[in-house]
């Protein structure tokens, strides 16, 4: 019996260790990237690799396979990149693209994130929306459950690395909600998952449709990242 418990303990430790180590690496890389002054010229060059999937305008795809990253907060993009690099978020394509063969340093992470965050989408970059059937319900769900963190217009917060949900492709939002609830988004806070689990089909499709139809805003990048704002809380990259 003791030997069986020992084996179980060793296996458990081995399975948890990569995630723990990844969280530590993510925390350091995220902090370093946010403290870096972005080089937009280098960011534009690095973004050429991103454009293969996200498009030159960063609009993603309406079918939900690729998200809109244009205009997303700098700090949010940094966090997602370091999470992909450190097994805190899963997607084979993004884990490959965010790896050190392309983004070699924290400077590279800051540069490409800053460049993408400043892209302004045009009317030609159409966003994928839902059927409109549950828009009223989606508005009510957002206002009661999401607005307090994500803002009244789904604008999120660059200071606190809260994603801007406004103007995101409908199908992508639906897919991320299901991924979070079903355990495919390890970087989602448990409290957030508990909230999402309460939503039914009409809630999910309604809130995603509602958010997709809100115009996206572009927030200027803080020149030297959040490290220049000691009075404000930095994002939790180890989460």
Protein backbone atom coordinates (compact mmCIF):
# COMPACT_ATOMS: atom_id res chain seq x y z
CA UNK A 1 0.00 0.00 0.00
CA UNK A 2 2.82 2.41 0.92
CA UNK A 3 4.59 1.70 -2.37
CA UNK A 4 1.40 2.42 -4.31
CA UNK A 5 0.95 5.71 -2.50
CA UNK A 6 4.57 6.61 -3.22
CA UNK A 7 4.12 5.95 -6.94
CA UNK A 8 0.93 8.03 -7.01
CA UNK A 9 2.71 10.86 -5.20
CA UNK A 10 5.63 10.86 -7.63
CA UNK A 11 3.33 10.84 -10.68
CA UNK A 12 1.28 13.69 -9.25
CA UNK A 13 4.40 15.73 -8.58
CA UNK A 14 5.66 15.14 -12.11
CA UNK A 15 2.36 16.19 -13.66
CA UNK A 16 2.09 19.38 -11.59
CA UNK A 17 5.73 20.44 -11.93
CA UNK A 18 5.59 21.60 -15.59
CA UNK A 19 2.58 23.84 -14.93
CA UNK A 20 4.18 25.28 -11.78
CA UNK A 21 7.47 25.90 -13.57
CA UNK A 22 5.57 27.39 -16.50
CA UNK A 23 3.74 29.80 -14.22
CA UNK A 24 7.04 30.97 -12.75
CA UNK A 25 8.56 31.52 -16.18
CA UNK A 26 5.43 33.30 -17.39
CA UNK A 27 5.52 35.65 -14.40
CA UNK A 28 9.13 36.64 -15.11
CA UNK A 29 8.74 36.98 -18.88
CA UNK A 30 5.54 38.95 -18.51
CA UNK A 31 7.09 41.35 -16.02
CA UNK A 32 10.16 41.82 -18.24
CA UNK A 33 8.05 42.48 -21.36
CA UNK A 34 5.84 45.05 -19.62
CA UNK A 35 8.94 46.90 -18.39
CA UNK A 36 10.32 47.17 -21.94
CA UNK A 37 9.95 50.17 -24.25
CA UNK A 38 8.34 48.71 -27.40
CA UNK A 39 10.07 49.01 -30.77
CA UNK A 40 7.22 49.31 -33.28
CA UNK A 41 9.50 48.79 -36.29
CA UNK A 42 10.61 45.42 -34.98
CA UNK A 43 7.03 44.69 -33.96
CA UNK A 44 5.82 45.28 -37.52
CA UNK A 45 8.45 42.87 -38.83
CA UNK A 46 7.54 40.18 -36.29
CA UNK A 47 3.83 40.66 -36.98
CA UNK A 48 4.32 39.39 -40.54
CA UNK A 49 4.41 35.87 -39.10
CA UNK A 50 1.21 36.55 -37.13
CA UNK A 51 -0.52 37.85 -40.26
CA UNK A 52 -0.42 34.40 -41.83
CA UNK A 53 -3.33 33.44 -39.53
CA UNK A 54 -4.61 36.67 -37.99
CA UNK A 55 -4.50 38.62 -41.26
CA UNK A 56 -2.51 41.75 -42.07
CA UNK A 57 -5.07 43.85 -40.19
CA UNK A 58 -5.19 41.47 -37.20
CA UNK A 59 -8.92 40.92 -37.76
CA UNK A 60 -8.83 37.14 -37.33
CA UNK A 61 -11.48 34.99 -38.99
CA UNK A 62 -15.27 35.22 -38.58
CA UNK A 63 -15.52 31.44 -38.18
CA UNK A 64 -13.96 31.70 -34.72
CA UNK A 65 -10.79 29.76 -35.46
CA UNK A 66 -8.57 32.84 -35.15
CA UNK A 67 -9.34 35.80 -32.86
CA UNK A 68 -9.16 39.50 -33.57
CA UNK A 69 -5.99 40.82 -31.95
CA UNK A 70 -5.97 44.28 -33.54
CA UNK A 71 -6.65 46.87 -30.86
CA UNK A 72 -6.43 44.40 -27.99
CA UNK A 73 -4.70 45.78 -24.91
CA UNK A 74 -0.91 45.59 -24.93
CA UNK A 75 -0.81 43.93 -21.51
CA UNK A 76 -3.41 41.33 -22.55
CA UNK A 77 -1.46 40.38 -25.67
CA UNK A 78 1.75 40.11 -23.64
CA UNK A 79 0.04 37.85 -21.10
CA UNK A 80 -1.39 35.52 -23.73
CA UNK A 81 1.95 35.22 -25.53
CA UNK A 82 3.87 34.34 -22.37
CA UNK A 83 1.11 31.93 -21.32
CA UNK A 84 1.40 30.10 -24.65
CA UNK A 85 5.18 29.98 -24.28
CA UNK A 86 4.91 28.44 -20.82
CA UNK A 87 2.09 25.90 -21.22
CA UNK A 88 -0.41 28.09 -19.39
CA UNK A 89 -2.63 28.26 -22.46
CA UNK A 90 -2.99 25.60 -25.17
CA UNK A 91 -3.14 25.84 -28.95
CA UNK A 92 -0.54 24.04 -31.09
CA UNK A 93 -0.27 26.86 -33.62
CA UNK A 94 0.14 29.59 -31.05
CA UNK A 95 2.45 27.58 -28.82
CA UNK A 96 4.72 27.13 -31.86
CA UNK A 97 4.54 30.77 -32.98
CA UNK A 98 5.06 32.17 -29.48
CA UNK A 99 8.07 29.95 -28.82
CA UNK A 100 11.61 31.29 -28.65
CA UNK A 101 12.46 30.42 -32.25
CA UNK A 102 10.45 33.51 -33.29
CA UNK A 103 10.03 35.64 -30.15
CA UNK A 104 13.51 35.29 -28.74
CA UNK A 105 13.36 37.82 -25.92
CA UNK A 106 11.00 39.83 -23.73
CA UNK A 107 11.77 42.74 -26.07
CA UNK A 108 10.32 40.78 -29.02
CA UNK A 109 7.19 39.96 -27.01
CA UNK A 110 6.70 43.62 -26.13
CA UNK A 111 7.36 44.77 -29.71
CA UNK A 112 4.86 42.52 -31.47
CA UNK A 113 2.22 42.96 -28.75
CA UNK A 114 2.55 46.75 -28.93
CA UNK A 115 2.31 46.76 -32.72
CA UNK A 116 -0.85 44.59 -32.75
CA UNK A 117 -2.45 46.65 -29.99
CA UNK A 118 -2.27 49.81 -32.11
CA UNK A 119 -3.88 48.45 -35.29
CA UNK A 120 -7.21 50.14 -35.99
CA UNK A 121 -9.72 47.98 -37.82
CA UNK A 122 -11.60 49.45 -40.77
CA UNK A 123 -15.17 48.91 -41.96
CA UNK A 124 -13.79 46.41 -44.47
CA UNK A 125 -12.60 44.17 -41.65
CA UNK A 126 -16.02 42.72 -40.95
CA UNK A 127 -16.56 41.00 -37.61
CA UNK A 128 -18.38 37.68 -37.33
CA UNK A 129 -21.69 38.07 -35.48
CA UNK A 130 -24.47 35.71 -34.40
CA UNK A 131 -28.07 35.44 -35.51
CA UNK A 132 -29.31 38.25 -33.28
CA UNK A 133 -31.94 35.97 -31.73
CA UNK A 134 -30.71 36.35 -28.15
CA UNK A 135 -29.24 39.87 -28.24
CA UNK A 136 -31.49 41.20 -25.49
CA UNK A 137 -30.64 38.30 -23.24
CA UNK A 138 -26.95 38.69 -24.03
CA UNK A 139 -27.03 42.35 -23.04
CA UNK A 140 -28.68 41.48 -19.73
CA UNK A 141 -26.15 38.72 -19.01
CA UNK A 142 -23.24 41.02 -19.79
CA UNK A 143 -24.55 43.85 -17.65
CA UNK A 144 -25.24 41.60 -14.67
CA UNK A 145 -22.22 39.28 -14.81
CA UNK A 146 -19.43 40.78 -16.95
CA UNK A 147 -19.65 44.55 -17.01
CA UNK A 148 -18.12 45.12 -13.57
CA UNK A 149 -14.75 43.78 -14.77
CA UNK A 150 -14.85 44.12 -18.57
CA UNK A 151 -16.37 47.62 -18.55
CA UNK A 152 -19.73 48.95 -19.76
CA UNK A 153 -18.68 48.77 -23.41
CA UNK A 154 -16.66 45.56 -23.12
CA UNK A 155 -13.50 47.64 -23.32
CA UNK A 156 -11.57 45.73 -20.65
CA UNK A 157 -8.57 47.27 -18.90
CA UNK A 158 -5.01 47.61 -20.11
CA UNK A 159 -3.83 48.42 -16.60
CA UNK A 160 -5.20 45.18 -15.17
CA UNK A 161 -4.76 43.00 -18.29
CA UNK A 162 -8.51 42.44 -18.63
CA UNK A 163 -9.29 41.61 -22.27
CA UNK A 164 -11.30 43.89 -24.47
CA UNK A 165 -14.22 41.70 -25.57
CA UNK A 166 -15.92 44.33 -27.71
CA UNK A 167 -15.64 43.69 -31.42
CA UNK A 168 -14.32 40.14 -31.03
CA UNK A 169 -15.56 37.54 -33.49
CA UNK A 170 -18.77 35.94 -32.19
CA UNK A 171 -17.74 32.33 -32.87
CA UNK A 172 -14.40 32.83 -31.15
CA UNK A 173 -16.09 34.15 -28.00
CA UNK A 174 -18.46 31.17 -27.96
CA UNK A 175 -15.57 28.75 -28.38
CA UNK A 176 -13.52 30.34 -25.59
CA UNK A 177 -16.41 30.12 -23.14
CA UNK A 178 -16.79 26.40 -23.87
CA UNK A 179 -13.02 25.86 -23.71
CA UNK A 180 -12.86 27.52 -20.30
CA UNK A 181 -15.77 25.55 -18.86
CA UNK A 182 -14.46 22.26 -20.27
CA UNK A 183 -10.92 22.72 -18.92
CA UNK A 184 -9.08 23.72 -22.10
CA UNK A 185 -8.03 27.17 -20.83
CA UNK A 186 -5.72 26.59 -17.85
CA UNK A 187 -5.01 30.32 -17.52
CA UNK A 188 -8.66 31.09 -16.72
CA UNK A 189 -9.27 31.92 -13.03
CA UNK A 190 -11.46 29.38 -11.22
CA UNK A 191 -13.89 32.14 -10.18
CA UNK A 192 -14.38 33.05 -13.83
CA UNK A 193 -15.05 29.43 -14.79
CA UNK A 194 -17.65 29.09 -12.03
CA UNK A 195 -19.45 32.13 -13.42
CA UNK A 196 -19.39 30.79 -16.99
CA UNK A 197 -20.71 27.40 -15.90
CA UNK A 198 -23.97 29.07 -14.90
CA UNK A 199 -24.67 30.20 -18.48
CA UNK A 200 -26.97 28.21 -20.77
CA UNK A 201 -27.04 28.10 -24.57
CA UNK A 202 -29.08 31.29 -24.99
CA UNK A 203 -26.88 33.14 -22.46
CA UNK A 204 -23.65 32.15 -24.21
CA UNK A 205 -24.77 32.83 -27.77
CA UNK A 206 -26.51 36.02 -26.70
CA UNK A 207 -23.62 37.56 -24.80
CA UNK A 208 -21.11 36.61 -27.53
CA UNK A 209 -23.36 38.13 -30.20
CA UNK A 210 -23.89 41.27 -28.13
CA UNK A 211 -20.15 41.78 -27.58
CA UNK A 212 -19.25 41.13 -31.20
CA UNK A 213 -21.44 44.04 -32.28
CA UNK A 214 -19.83 46.63 -29.97
CA UNK A 215 -17.17 48.74 -31.78
CA UNK A 216 -13.61 48.07 -30.66
CA UNK A 217 -11.47 50.88 -29.25
CA UNK A 218 -7.71 51.32 -29.44
CA UNK A 219 -5.90 52.35 -26.26
CA UNK A 220 -2.43 53.96 -26.59
CA UNK A 221 0.47 51.85 -25.35
CA UNK A 222 2.12 53.08 -22.17
CA UNK A 223 5.68 53.91 -23.40
CA UNK A 224 7.52 51.72 -20.90
CA UNK A 225 4.77 49.32 -19.96
CA UNK A 226 3.01 49.07 -16.62
CA UNK A 227 6.30 49.19 -14.74
CA UNK A 228 6.05 53.00 -14.97
CA UNK A 229 2.86 52.95 -12.88
CA UNK A 230 3.95 51.71 -9.41
CA UNK A 231 0.66 52.81 -7.84
CA UNK A 232 -1.34 50.41 -10.01
CA UNK A 233 -1.50 46.63 -9.75
CA UNK A 234 0.29 44.76 -12.58
CA UNK A 235 -1.42 41.76 -14.20
CA UNK A 236 -1.03 38.38 -12.53
CA UNK A 237 1.12 36.51 -15.07
CA UNK A 238 1.53 33.55 -12.74
CA UNK A 239 -2.20 32.83 -12.68
